[in-house]
């Protein structure tokens, strides 16, 4: 069931134009497995059309275009808010409301809340850890949410994905006596980014009979000398499942995904028509130089804000050329 409302306008002799859109989409009969089914036969239950989600948002776009003598220019911007809600999923009963997903945004992430790193005093005082594990100073210190003396699945809380997403873009351009300039900025905020590649954040992963490489960010690891300023746990050859959150995720690897990127920028010059007519017999010529992804300001410097660590990176391209038109 989809509801969309919008308005477009143009005023001040079309110098100012814009639009506003609102949508509210209710999805139902989504395929899901019942969470309250009991495993008796040793096989999984079939999916059923029982899920319900809601997605809604707003988008605003404004453009101002005008001229001052021979100078023509425009400035355009857009802003979008997107939020969602998991209306029904027949989830398992939980003794703790902080673990319920119903009513939260779709895709919310549960995990352990990291609170620094374990010290010798913590270990001596039997600070809660995951059952069956042996820890050392410099391992991640997790919050025991239900105060039962152990770190397990019941200590998972929302660590990300619970905020509305906001996107925006700014487009600017001008033209003056054959000289053209334009640029486009884009960005996002209210976004959470889980850095899930253990090769990047842990290093020295087991590869056959040897260990893989480690990256520069691990220089800020925990050591007895850096325990007050460290942002990474102690190094462990072969990786350390405990420090990565076990099977539960860890807020230590959840980062802000906010960023601002100069997506495109272009400077061009159209050769005067009189010069082209005399020298090239009416051929039009434009000389230009531009760039893509020239600048990026990101809250998380570990990975590209738009591409995962193991994917091909977005390239910074600088180009120039001449455009001929007969």
C-alpha atoms as a PDB file:
ATOM      1  CA  UNK A   1       0.000   0.000   0.000  1.00  0.00           C
ATOM      2  CA  UNK A   2       1.754   3.141  -1.234  1.00  0.00           C
ATOM      3  CA  UNK A   3       0.935   6.762  -0.564  1.00  0.00           C
ATOM      4  CA  UNK A   4       2.856   9.505  -2.368  1.00  0.00           C
ATOM      5  CA  UNK A   5       2.187  13.232  -2.095  1.00  0.00           C
ATOM      6  CA  UNK A   6       4.125  15.980  -3.818  1.00  0.00           C
ATOM      7  CA  UNK A   7       4.122  19.572  -4.877  1.00  0.00           C
ATOM      8  CA  UNK A   8       6.184  21.395  -7.513  1.00  0.00           C
ATOM      9  CA  UNK A   9       6.441  25.165  -7.756  1.00  0.00           C
ATOM     10  CA  UNK A  10       8.121  27.894  -9.756  1.00  0.00           C
ATOM     11  CA  UNK A  11       8.063  31.559  -8.668  1.00  0.00           C
ATOM     12  CA  UNK A  12       9.870  34.860  -9.140  1.00  0.00           C
ATOM     13  CA  UNK A  13       9.724  34.570 -12.918  1.00  0.00           C
ATOM     14  CA  UNK A  14      10.984  30.995 -12.722  1.00  0.00           C
ATOM     15  CA  UNK A  15      14.175  31.996 -10.964  1.00  0.00           C
ATOM     16  CA  UNK A  16      13.214  29.968  -7.910  1.00  0.00           C
ATOM     17  CA  UNK A  17      11.776  26.491  -8.401  1.00  0.00           C
ATOM     18  CA  UNK A  18      11.477  23.461  -6.228  1.00  0.00           C
ATOM     19  CA  UNK A  19       9.579  20.395  -5.138  1.00  0.00           C
ATOM     20  CA  UNK A  20       8.512  18.588  -1.990  1.00  0.00           C
ATOM     21  CA  UNK A  21       7.645  14.897  -1.894  1.00  0.00           C
ATOM     22  CA  UNK A  22       6.388  12.617   0.865  1.00  0.00           C
ATOM     23  CA  UNK A  23       5.918   8.862   0.671  1.00  0.00           C
ATOM     24  CA  UNK A  24       4.550   6.257   3.044  1.00  0.00           C
ATOM     25  CA  UNK A  25       4.879   2.641   1.886  1.00  0.00           C
ATOM     26  CA  UNK A  26       3.352  -0.196   3.884  1.00  0.00           C
ATOM     27  CA  UNK A  27       4.681  -3.623   2.897  1.00  0.00           C
ATOM     28  CA  UNK A  28       2.787  -6.727   3.958  1.00  0.00           C
ATOM     29  CA  UNK A  29       2.849 -10.493   3.261  1.00  0.00           C
ATOM     30  CA  UNK A  30       6.658 -10.406   3.358  1.00  0.00           C
ATOM     31  CA  UNK A  31       8.312 -13.827   3.390  1.00  0.00           C
ATOM     32  CA  UNK A  32       9.609 -14.668   6.867  1.00  0.00           C
ATOM     33  CA  UNK A  33      10.161 -17.701   9.073  1.00  0.00           C
ATOM     34  CA  UNK A  34       8.101 -17.789  12.246  1.00  0.00           C
ATOM     35  CA  UNK A  35      10.301 -17.023  15.212  1.00  0.00           C
ATOM     36  CA  UNK A  36       8.115 -18.903  17.689  1.00  0.00           C
ATOM     37  CA  UNK A  37       8.224 -22.236  15.870  1.00  0.00           C
ATOM     38  CA  UNK A  38       9.657 -25.148  17.864  1.00  0.00           C
ATOM     39  CA  UNK A  39      12.315 -27.331  16.227  1.00  0.00           C
ATOM     40  CA  UNK A  40      10.989 -30.894  16.528  1.00  0.00           C
ATOM     41  CA  UNK A  41      11.827 -32.544  13.192  1.00  0.00           C
ATOM     42  CA  UNK A  42      15.422 -31.418  12.751  1.00  0.00           C
ATOM     43  CA  UNK A  43      14.548 -29.352   9.714  1.00  0.00           C
ATOM     44  CA  UNK A  44      13.729 -25.697   9.147  1.00  0.00           C
ATOM     45  CA  UNK A  45      10.192 -24.442   8.773  1.00  0.00           C
ATOM     46  CA  UNK A  46       9.101 -22.926   5.459  1.00  0.00           C
ATOM     47  CA  UNK A  47       8.878 -19.197   5.028  1.00  0.00           C
ATOM     48  CA  UNK A  48       5.417 -17.668   5.236  1.00  0.00           C
ATOM     49  CA  UNK A  49       3.818 -14.424   4.094  1.00  0.00           C
ATOM     50  CA  UNK A  50       3.599 -12.861   7.545  1.00  0.00           C
ATOM     51  CA  UNK A  51       6.045  -9.948   7.668  1.00  0.00           C
ATOM     52  CA  UNK A  52       5.063  -6.279   7.763  1.00  0.00           C
ATOM     53  CA  UNK A  53       7.363  -3.268   7.264  1.00  0.00           C
ATOM     54  CA  UNK A  54       6.829   0.428   6.763  1.00  0.00           C
ATOM     55  CA  UNK A  55       9.098   2.869   4.942  1.00  0.00           C
ATOM     56  CA  UNK A  56       8.514   6.588   4.733  1.00  0.00           C
ATOM     57  CA  UNK A  57      10.431   9.708   3.958  1.00  0.00           C
ATOM     58  CA  UNK A  58      10.628  13.205   2.575  1.00  0.00           C
ATOM     59  CA  UNK A  59      12.549  14.873  -0.212  1.00  0.00           C
ATOM     60  CA  UNK A  60      13.026  18.594  -0.741  1.00  0.00           C
ATOM     61  CA  UNK A  61      14.688  20.144  -3.802  1.00  0.00           C
ATOM     62  CA  UNK A  62      15.300  23.850  -4.488  1.00  0.00           C
ATOM     63  CA  UNK A  63      16.906  25.574  -7.480  1.00  0.00           C
ATOM     64  CA  UNK A  64      17.798  29.215  -7.991  1.00  0.00           C
ATOM     65  CA  UNK A  65      18.856  30.300 -11.469  1.00  0.00           C
ATOM     66  CA  UNK A  66      19.443  33.843 -12.655  1.00  0.00           C
ATOM     67  CA  UNK A  67      21.891  36.118 -14.441  1.00  0.00           C
ATOM     68  CA  UNK A  68      23.781  39.308 -13.700  1.00  0.00           C
ATOM     69  CA  UNK A  69      24.753  40.916 -16.958  1.00  0.00           C
ATOM     70  CA  UNK A  70      26.773  38.377 -18.920  1.00  0.00           C
ATOM     71  CA  UNK A  71      27.049  36.060 -15.911  1.00  0.00           C
ATOM     72  CA  UNK A  72      24.566  33.162 -15.864  1.00  0.00           C
ATOM     73  CA  UNK A  73      24.454  30.972 -12.790  1.00  0.00           C
ATOM     74  CA  UNK A  74      22.422  28.413 -10.884  1.00  0.00           C
ATOM     75  CA  UNK A  75      22.463  26.794  -7.455  1.00  0.00           C
ATOM     76  CA  UNK A  76      20.500  23.653  -6.722  1.00  0.00           C
ATOM     77  CA  UNK A  77      20.190  21.560  -3.580  1.00  0.00           C
ATOM     78  CA  UNK A  78      18.250  18.526  -2.416  1.00  0.00           C
ATOM     79  CA  UNK A  79      17.743  16.835   0.945  1.00  0.00           C
ATOM     80  CA  UNK A  80      16.151  13.458   1.654  1.00  0.00           C
ATOM     81  CA  UNK A  81      15.127  11.774   4.896  1.00  0.00           C
ATOM     82  CA  UNK A  82      14.419   8.046   4.918  1.00  0.00           C
ATOM     83  CA  UNK A  83      13.171   5.986   7.849  1.00  0.00           C
ATOM     84  CA  UNK A  84      11.650   2.558   8.327  1.00  0.00           C
ATOM     85  CA  UNK A  85       9.862   0.450  10.909  1.00  0.00           C
ATOM     86  CA  UNK A  86       9.606  -3.287  11.418  1.00  0.00           C
ATOM     87  CA  UNK A  87       5.904  -3.600  12.150  1.00  0.00           C
ATOM     88  CA  UNK A  88       5.654  -7.393  12.580  1.00  0.00           C
ATOM     89  CA  UNK A  89       8.080 -10.324  12.336  1.00  0.00           C
ATOM     90  CA  UNK A  90       6.753 -12.937  14.820  1.00  0.00           C
ATOM     91  CA  UNK A  91      10.016 -12.771  16.740  1.00  0.00           C
ATOM     92  CA  UNK A  92      11.044 -15.035  19.584  1.00  0.00           C
ATOM     93  CA  UNK A  93      10.139 -13.990  23.096  1.00  0.00           C
ATOM     94  CA  UNK A  94      13.006 -12.321  24.944  1.00  0.00           C
ATOM     95  CA  UNK A  95      13.234 -11.493  28.643  1.00  0.00           C
ATOM     96  CA  UNK A  96      14.763  -8.117  27.823  1.00  0.00           C
ATOM     97  CA  UNK A  97      12.911  -5.426  25.895  1.00  0.00           C
ATOM     98  CA  UNK A  98      16.194  -3.869  24.745  1.00  0.00           C
ATOM     99  CA  UNK A  99      16.601  -6.862  22.407  1.00  0.00           C
ATOM    100  CA  UNK A 100      13.194  -6.682  20.738  1.00  0.00           C
ATOM    101  CA  UNK A 101      13.312  -5.751  17.054  1.00  0.00           C
ATOM    102  CA  UNK A 102       9.597  -5.197  16.472  1.00  0.00           C
ATOM    103  CA  UNK A 103       8.937  -1.485  16.309  1.00  0.00           C
ATOM    104  CA  UNK A 104      12.546  -0.623  15.494  1.00  0.00           C
ATOM    105  CA  UNK A 105      13.971   0.416  12.105  1.00  0.00           C
ATOM    106  CA  UNK A 106      14.441  -2.325   9.508  1.00  0.00           C
ATOM    107  CA  UNK A 107      18.035  -3.569   9.522  1.00  0.00           C
ATOM    108  CA  UNK A 108      18.885  -2.448  13.049  1.00  0.00           C
ATOM    109  CA  UNK A 109      22.089  -4.101  14.338  1.00  0.00           C
ATOM    110  CA  UNK A 110      22.353  -5.845  17.698  1.00  0.00           C
ATOM    111  CA  UNK A 111      25.738  -6.422  19.306  1.00  0.00           C
ATOM    112  CA  UNK A 112      27.841  -6.228  22.434  1.00  0.00           C
ATOM    113  CA  UNK A 113      28.601  -2.795  23.854  1.00  0.00           C
ATOM    114  CA  UNK A 114      32.378  -2.324  24.100  1.00  0.00           C
ATOM    115  CA  UNK A 115      33.636  -0.285  27.042  1.00  0.00           C
ATOM    116  CA  UNK A 116      37.382   0.003  26.592  1.00  0.00           C
ATOM    117  CA  UNK A 117      39.847  -2.824  27.204  1.00  0.00           C
ATOM    118  CA  UNK A 118      40.357  -5.256  30.045  1.00  0.00           C
ATOM    119  CA  UNK A 119      43.075  -4.507  32.577  1.00  0.00           C
ATOM    120  CA  UNK A 120      44.943  -6.859  34.893  1.00  0.00           C
ATOM    121  CA  UNK A 121      42.738  -5.594  37.726  1.00  0.00           C
ATOM    122  CA  UNK A 122      39.569  -6.436  35.752  1.00  0.00           C
ATOM    123  CA  UNK A 123      40.742  -9.986  35.169  1.00  0.00           C
ATOM    124  CA  UNK A 124      41.815 -10.431  38.794  1.00  0.00           C
ATOM    125  CA  UNK A 125      38.379  -9.208  39.929  1.00  0.00           C
ATOM    126  CA  UNK A 126      36.608 -11.674  37.588  1.00  0.00           C
ATOM    127  CA  UNK A 127      35.074  -9.089  35.300  1.00  0.00           C
ATOM    128  CA  UNK A 128      32.367 -10.825  33.194  1.00  0.00           C
ATOM    129  CA  UNK A 129      33.635 -12.459  29.981  1.00  0.00           C
ATOM    130  CA  UNK A 130      32.257 -14.968  27.496  1.00  0.00           C
ATOM    131  CA  UNK A 131      32.028 -18.501  28.959  1.00  0.00           C
ATOM    132  CA  UNK A 132      34.850 -20.829  27.966  1.00  0.00           C
ATOM    133  CA  UNK A 133      37.272 -18.087  26.940  1.00  0.00           C
ATOM    134  CA  UNK A 134      40.642 -17.098  28.347  1.00  0.00           C
ATOM    135  CA  UNK A 135      41.285 -13.377  28.169  1.00  0.00           C
ATOM    136  CA  UNK A 136      44.351 -11.210  28.605  1.00  0.00           C
ATOM    137  CA  UNK A 137      44.891  -7.530  29.352  1.00  0.00           C
ATOM    138  CA  UNK A 138      44.140  -5.577  26.189  1.00  0.00           C
ATOM    139  CA  UNK A 139      41.149  -7.683  25.145  1.00  0.00           C
ATOM    140  CA  UNK A 140      37.847  -5.903  24.650  1.00  0.00           C
ATOM    141  CA  UNK A 141      35.795  -5.150  27.728  1.00  0.00           C
ATOM    142  CA  UNK A 142      32.069  -5.737  27.133  1.00  0.00           C
ATOM    143  CA  UNK A 143      29.187  -4.373  29.183  1.00  0.00           C
ATOM    144  CA  UNK A 144      27.216  -6.964  31.154  1.00  0.00           C
ATOM    145  CA  UNK A 145      23.788  -5.510  30.350  1.00  0.00           C
ATOM    146  CA  UNK A 146      21.714  -7.863  32.512  1.00  0.00           C
ATOM    147  CA  UNK A 147      24.263  -8.176  35.345  1.00  0.00           C
ATOM    148  CA  UNK A 148      24.274 -11.989  35.340  1.00  0.00           C
ATOM    149  CA  UNK A 149      28.074 -12.279  35.560  1.00  0.00           C
ATOM    150  CA  UNK A 150      28.716 -13.532  31.996  1.00  0.00           C
ATOM    151  CA  UNK A 151      28.865 -12.005  28.515  1.00  0.00           C
ATOM    152  CA  UNK A 152      26.480 -13.807  26.176  1.00  0.00           C
ATOM    153  CA  UNK A 153      23.654 -13.261  23.684  1.00  0.00           C
ATOM    154  CA  UNK A 154      21.475 -11.612  26.335  1.00  0.00           C
ATOM    155  CA  UNK A 155      23.937  -8.718  26.565  1.00  0.00           C
ATOM    156  CA  UNK A 156      23.350  -7.639  22.980  1.00  0.00           C
ATOM    157  CA  UNK A 157      21.875  -4.180  22.552  1.00  0.00           C
ATOM    158  CA  UNK A 158      21.245  -1.932  19.570  1.00  0.00           C
ATOM    159  CA  UNK A 159      24.626  -0.696  18.341  1.00  0.00           C
ATOM    160  CA  UNK A 160      23.641   0.803  14.989  1.00  0.00           C
ATOM    161  CA  UNK A 161      21.118   1.242  12.228  1.00  0.00           C
ATOM    162  CA  UNK A 162      18.502   2.847  14.453  1.00  0.00           C
ATOM    163  CA  UNK A 163      18.596   6.411  13.100  1.00  0.00           C
ATOM    164  CA  UNK A 164      16.848   7.897  10.046  1.00  0.00           C
ATOM    165  CA  UNK A 165      19.143   8.309   7.043  1.00  0.00           C
ATOM    166  CA  UNK A 166      19.630  11.747   5.523  1.00  0.00           C
ATOM    167  CA  UNK A 167      21.078  12.325   2.070  1.00  0.00           C
ATOM    168  CA  UNK A 168      21.860  15.622   0.395  1.00  0.00           C
ATOM    169  CA  UNK A 169      23.372  17.097  -2.730  1.00  0.00           C
ATOM    170  CA  UNK A 170      24.506  20.562  -3.826  1.00  0.00           C
ATOM    171  CA  UNK A 171      24.942  21.457  -7.505  1.00  0.00           C
ATOM    172  CA  UNK A 172      26.513  24.756  -8.588  1.00  0.00           C
ATOM    173  CA  UNK A 173      27.213  26.142 -12.046  1.00  0.00           C
ATOM    174  CA  UNK A 174      28.027  29.387 -13.826  1.00  0.00           C
ATOM    175  CA  UNK A 175      28.852  30.663 -17.319  1.00  0.00           C
ATOM    176  CA  UNK A 176      30.539  33.926 -18.263  1.00  0.00           C
ATOM    177  CA  UNK A 177      31.538  34.880 -21.800  1.00  0.00           C
ATOM    178  CA  UNK A 178      32.442  31.347 -22.830  1.00  0.00           C
ATOM    179  CA  UNK A 179      33.907  30.331 -19.456  1.00  0.00           C
ATOM    180  CA  UNK A 180      31.977  27.538 -17.715  1.00  0.00           C
ATOM    181  CA  UNK A 181      32.319  26.130 -14.219  1.00  0.00           C
ATOM    182  CA  UNK A 182      30.287  23.509 -12.354  1.00  0.00           C
ATOM    183  CA  UNK A 183      30.622  21.255  -9.335  1.00  0.00           C
ATOM    184  CA  UNK A 184      28.474  18.741  -7.489  1.00  0.00           C
ATOM    185  CA  UNK A 185      28.770  17.789  -3.805  1.00  0.00           C
ATOM    186  CA  UNK A 186      26.953  14.849  -2.226  1.00  0.00           C
ATOM    187  CA  UNK A 187      26.821  13.382   1.245  1.00  0.00           C
ATOM    188  CA  UNK A 188      25.004  11.446   3.921  1.00  0.00           C
ATOM    189  CA  UNK A 189      24.583  11.641   7.698  1.00  0.00           C
ATOM    190  CA  UNK A 190      22.781   9.699  10.386  1.00  0.00           C
ATOM    191  CA  UNK A 191      24.373   6.564   8.912  1.00  0.00           C
ATOM    192  CA  UNK A 192      26.143   3.749  10.783  1.00  0.00           C
ATOM    193  CA  UNK A 193      28.913   1.738   9.158  1.00  0.00           C
ATOM    194  CA  UNK A 194      29.981  -1.664  10.520  1.00  0.00           C
ATOM    195  CA  UNK A 195      33.546  -2.467   9.446  1.00  0.00           C
ATOM    196  CA  UNK A 196      33.211  -6.221   9.106  1.00  0.00           C
ATOM    197  CA  UNK A 197      36.492  -7.243   7.478  1.00  0.00           C
ATOM    198  CA  UNK A 198      38.689  -8.830  10.140  1.00  0.00           C
ATOM    199  CA  UNK A 199      41.789  -8.623   7.959  1.00  0.00           C
ATOM    200  CA  UNK A 200      41.519  -4.840   8.196  1.00  0.00           C
ATOM    201  CA  UNK A 201      40.661  -4.430  11.876  1.00  0.00           C
ATOM    202  CA  UNK A 202      42.487  -7.425  13.408  1.00  0.00           C
ATOM    203  CA  UNK A 203      45.267  -8.309  10.996  1.00  0.00           C
ATOM    204  CA  UNK A 204      47.437 -11.436  10.879  1.00  0.00           C
ATOM    205  CA  UNK A 205      44.561 -13.731   9.955  1.00  0.00           C
ATOM    206  CA  UNK A 206      45.401 -17.414   9.447  1.00  0.00           C
ATOM    207  CA  UNK A 207      45.991 -18.296   5.798  1.00  0.00           C
ATOM    208  CA  UNK A 208      46.926 -21.951   5.466  1.00  0.00           C
ATOM    209  CA  UNK A 209      50.188 -22.443   7.352  1.00  0.00           C
ATOM    210  CA  UNK A 210      50.991 -18.736   7.588  1.00  0.00           C
ATOM    211  CA  UNK A 211      49.516 -15.436   8.709  1.00  0.00           C
ATOM    212  CA  UNK A 212      48.154 -12.657   6.527  1.00  0.00           C
ATOM    213  CA  UNK A 213      49.202  -9.025   6.537  1.00  0.00           C
ATOM    214  CA  UNK A 214      48.265  -6.205   8.870  1.00  0.00           C
ATOM    215  CA  UNK A 215      47.358  -2.626   8.036  1.00  0.00           C
ATOM    216  CA  UNK A 216      48.662   0.689   9.308  1.00  0.00           C
ATOM    217  CA  UNK A 217      45.611   1.413  11.475  1.00  0.00           C
ATOM    218  CA  UNK A 218      46.713  -1.399  13.818  1.00  0.00           C
ATOM    219  CA  UNK A 219      49.654   0.718  14.973  1.00  0.00           C
ATOM    220  CA  UNK A 220      47.169   2.168  17.452  1.00  0.00           C
ATOM    221  CA  UNK A 221      46.761  -1.213  19.133  1.00  0.00           C
ATOM    222  CA  UNK A 222      46.702  -1.827  22.869  1.00  0.00           C
ATOM    223  CA  UNK A 223      50.045  -2.337  24.576  1.00  0.00           C
ATOM    224  CA  UNK A 224      50.997  -1.791  28.235  1.00  0.00           C
ATOM    225  CA  UNK A 225      52.479   1.559  27.155  1.00  0.00           C
ATOM    226  CA  UNK A 226      49.497   2.716  25.048  1.00  0.00           C
ATOM    227  CA  UNK A 227      46.624   1.392  27.150  1.00  0.00           C
ATOM    228  CA  UNK A 228      45.348   4.920  27.877  1.00  0.00           C
ATOM    229  CA  UNK A 229      45.131   5.970  24.214  1.00  0.00           C
ATOM    230  CA  UNK A 230      44.699   2.715  22.256  1.00  0.00           C
ATOM    231  CA  UNK A 231      41.679   2.354  19.978  1.00  0.00           C
ATOM    232  CA  UNK A 232      42.350  -1.272  18.971  1.00  0.00           C
ATOM    233  CA  UNK A 233      42.725  -4.358  21.176  1.00  0.00           C
ATOM    234  CA  UNK A 234      46.000  -6.235  21.555  1.00  0.00           C
ATOM    235  CA  UNK A 235      47.293  -8.035  18.484  1.00  0.00           C
ATOM    236  CA  UNK A 236      46.633 -11.754  18.206  1.00  0.00           C
ATOM    237  CA  UNK A 237      48.270 -14.016  15.641  1.00  0.00           C
ATOM    238  CA  UNK A 238      45.536 -15.767  13.701  1.00  0.00           C
ATOM    239  CA  UNK A 239      42.877 -13.299  14.766  1.00  0.00           C
ATOM    240  CA  UNK A 240      40.832 -13.096  17.948  1.00  0.00           C
ATOM    241  CA  UNK A 241      37.147 -14.008  17.783  1.00  0.00           C
ATOM    242  CA  UNK A 242      36.561 -12.697  21.296  1.00  0.00           C
ATOM    243  CA  UNK A 243      37.747  -9.198  20.417  1.00  0.00           C
ATOM    244  CA  UNK A 244      35.583  -9.218  17.307  1.00  0.00           C
ATOM    245  CA  UNK A 245      32.468  -9.843  19.413  1.00  0.00           C
ATOM    246  CA  UNK A 246      32.266 -13.603  19.085  1.00  0.00           C
ATOM    247  CA  UNK A 247      29.096 -14.365  17.161  1.00  0.00           C
ATOM    248  CA  UNK A 248      27.320 -11.256  18.431  1.00  0.00           C
ATOM    249  CA  UNK A 249      28.950  -8.203  16.734  1.00  0.00           C
ATOM    250  CA  UNK A 250      30.738  -5.529  18.717  1.00  0.00           C
ATOM    251  CA  UNK A 251      30.184  -1.785  18.943  1.00  0.00           C
ATOM    252  CA  UNK A 252      33.973  -1.360  18.745  1.00  0.00           C
ATOM    253  CA  UNK A 253      33.730  -1.911  14.983  1.00  0.00           C
ATOM    254  CA  UNK A 254      30.660   0.256  14.452  1.00  0.00           C
ATOM    255  CA  UNK A 255      31.611   3.659  13.035  1.00  0.00           C
ATOM    256  CA  UNK A 256      29.872   6.751  11.783  1.00  0.00           C
ATOM    257  CA  UNK A 257      29.187   6.479   8.064  1.00  0.00           C
ATOM    258  CA  UNK A 258      28.731  10.230   7.578  1.00  0.00           C
ATOM    259  CA  UNK A 259      30.591  11.741   4.647  1.00  0.00           C
ATOM    260  CA  UNK A 260      30.812  14.640   2.202  1.00  0.00           C
ATOM    261  CA  UNK A 261      32.237  14.080  -1.284  1.00  0.00           C
ATOM    262  CA  UNK A 262      33.044  16.375  -4.203  1.00  0.00           C
ATOM    263  CA  UNK A 263      31.637  14.064  -6.832  1.00  0.00           C
ATOM    264  CA  UNK A 264      32.218  16.177  -9.949  1.00  0.00           C
ATOM    265  CA  UNK A 265      33.960  19.442 -10.813  1.00  0.00           C
ATOM    266  CA  UNK A 266      34.466  20.927 -14.274  1.00  0.00           C
ATOM    267  CA  UNK A 267      36.107  24.024 -15.756  1.00  0.00           C
ATOM    268  CA  UNK A 268      35.723  24.706 -19.481  1.00  0.00           C
ATOM    269  CA  UNK A 269      36.285  27.466 -22.029  1.00  0.00           C
ATOM    270  CA  UNK A 270      34.480  27.855 -25.338  1.00  0.00           C
ATOM    271  CA  UNK A 271      36.710  29.460 -27.930  1.00  0.00           C
ATOM    272  CA  UNK A 272      35.137  32.644 -29.335  1.00  0.00           C
ATOM    273  CA  UNK A 273      32.921  32.067 -32.364  1.00  0.00           C
ATOM    274  CA  UNK A 274      34.786  34.702 -34.394  1.00  0.00           C
ATOM    275  CA  UNK A 275      38.102  32.948 -33.800  1.00  0.00           C
ATOM    276  CA  UNK A 276      36.623  29.576 -34.721  1.00  0.00           C
ATOM    277  CA  UNK A 277      35.066  30.963 -37.894  1.00  0.00           C
ATOM    278  CA  UNK A 278      38.325  32.528 -39.045  1.00  0.00           C
ATOM    279  CA  UNK A 279      40.719  29.769 -38.002  1.00  0.00           C
ATOM    280  CA  UNK A 280      38.662  26.589 -38.255  1.00  0.00           C
ATOM    281  CA  UNK A 281      35.978  27.373 -40.802  1.00  0.00           C
ATOM    282  CA  UNK A 282      33.066  27.420 -38.381  1.00  0.00           C
ATOM    283  CA  UNK A 283      34.232  24.538 -36.186  1.00  0.00           C
ATOM    284  CA  UNK A 284      33.272  25.022 -32.518  1.00  0.00           C
ATOM    285  CA  UNK A 285      35.851  24.122 -29.890  1.00  0.00           C
ATOM    286  CA  UNK A 286      35.676  23.735 -26.102  1.00  0.00           C
ATOM    287  CA  UNK A 287      38.699  23.104 -23.881  1.00  0.00           C
ATOM    288  CA  UNK A 288      37.916  21.521 -20.521  1.00  0.00           C
ATOM    289  CA  UNK A 289      39.470  20.037 -17.389  1.00  0.00           C
ATOM    290  CA  UNK A 290      37.603  18.193 -14.676  1.00  0.00           C
ATOM    291  CA  UNK A 291      37.702  15.637 -11.915  1.00  0.00           C
ATOM    292  CA  UNK A 292      35.556  12.964 -10.286  1.00  0.00           C
ATOM    293  CA  UNK A 293      35.687  12.049  -6.582  1.00  0.00           C
ATOM    294  CA  UNK A 294      38.357  14.700  -6.073  1.00  0.00           C
ATOM    295  CA  UNK A 295      37.751  15.295  -2.356  1.00  0.00           C
ATOM    296  CA  UNK A 296      36.160  13.174   0.358  1.00  0.00           C
ATOM    297  CA  UNK A 297      35.580  14.102   3.984  1.00  0.00           C
ATOM    298  CA  UNK A 298      34.552  10.983   5.901  1.00  0.00           C
ATOM    299  CA  UNK A 299      33.950  10.348   9.589  1.00  0.00           C
ATOM    300  CA  UNK A 300      35.461   6.860   9.158  1.00  0.00           C
ATOM    301  CA  UNK A 301      38.821   6.775   7.389  1.00  0.00           C
ATOM    302  CA  UNK A 302      39.181   2.979   7.410  1.00  0.00           C
ATOM    303  CA  UNK A 303      37.083   2.339   4.307  1.00  0.00           C
ATOM    304  CA  UNK A 304      35.500   4.292   1.498  1.00  0.00           C
ATOM    305  CA  UNK A 305      32.072   5.495   2.702  1.00  0.00           C
ATOM    306  CA  UNK A 306      30.389   4.129  -0.446  1.00  0.00           C
ATOM    307  CA  UNK A 307      32.359   0.918  -1.048  1.00  0.00           C
ATOM    308  CA  UNK A 308      33.232  -2.018   1.221  1.00  0.00           C
ATOM    309  CA  UNK A 309      36.854  -2.847   1.997  1.00  0.00           C
ATOM    310  CA  UNK A 310      37.100  -5.900  -0.279  1.00  0.00           C
ATOM    311  CA  UNK A 311      35.351  -4.270  -3.274  1.00  0.00           C
ATOM    312  CA  UNK A 312      37.005  -2.283  -6.033  1.00  0.00           C
ATOM    313  CA  UNK A 313      37.557   1.232  -4.682  1.00  0.00           C
ATOM    314  CA  UNK A 314      35.998   4.332  -6.147  1.00  0.00           C
ATOM    315  CA  UNK A 315      38.695   6.003  -8.217  1.00  0.00           C
ATOM    316  CA  UNK A 316      39.763   9.619  -8.148  1.00  0.00           C
ATOM    317  CA  UNK A 317      39.938  10.690 -11.784  1.00  0.00           C
ATOM    318  CA  UNK A 318      41.358  13.907 -13.252  1.00  0.00           C
ATOM    319  CA  UNK A 319      40.839  14.451 -16.982  1.00  0.00           C
ATOM    320  CA  UNK A 320      41.160  17.079 -19.676  1.00  0.00           C
ATOM    321  CA  UNK A 321      40.255  17.319 -23.336  1.00  0.00           C
ATOM    322  CA  UNK A 322      38.999  19.294 -26.299  1.00  0.00           C
ATOM    323  CA  UNK A 323      35.457  18.996 -27.602  1.00  0.00           C
ATOM    324  CA  UNK A 324      34.962  19.767 -31.292  1.00  0.00           C
ATOM    325  CA  UNK A 325      31.556  20.412 -32.802  1.00  0.00           C
ATOM    326  CA  UNK A 326      30.952  20.761 -36.540  1.00  0.00           C
END
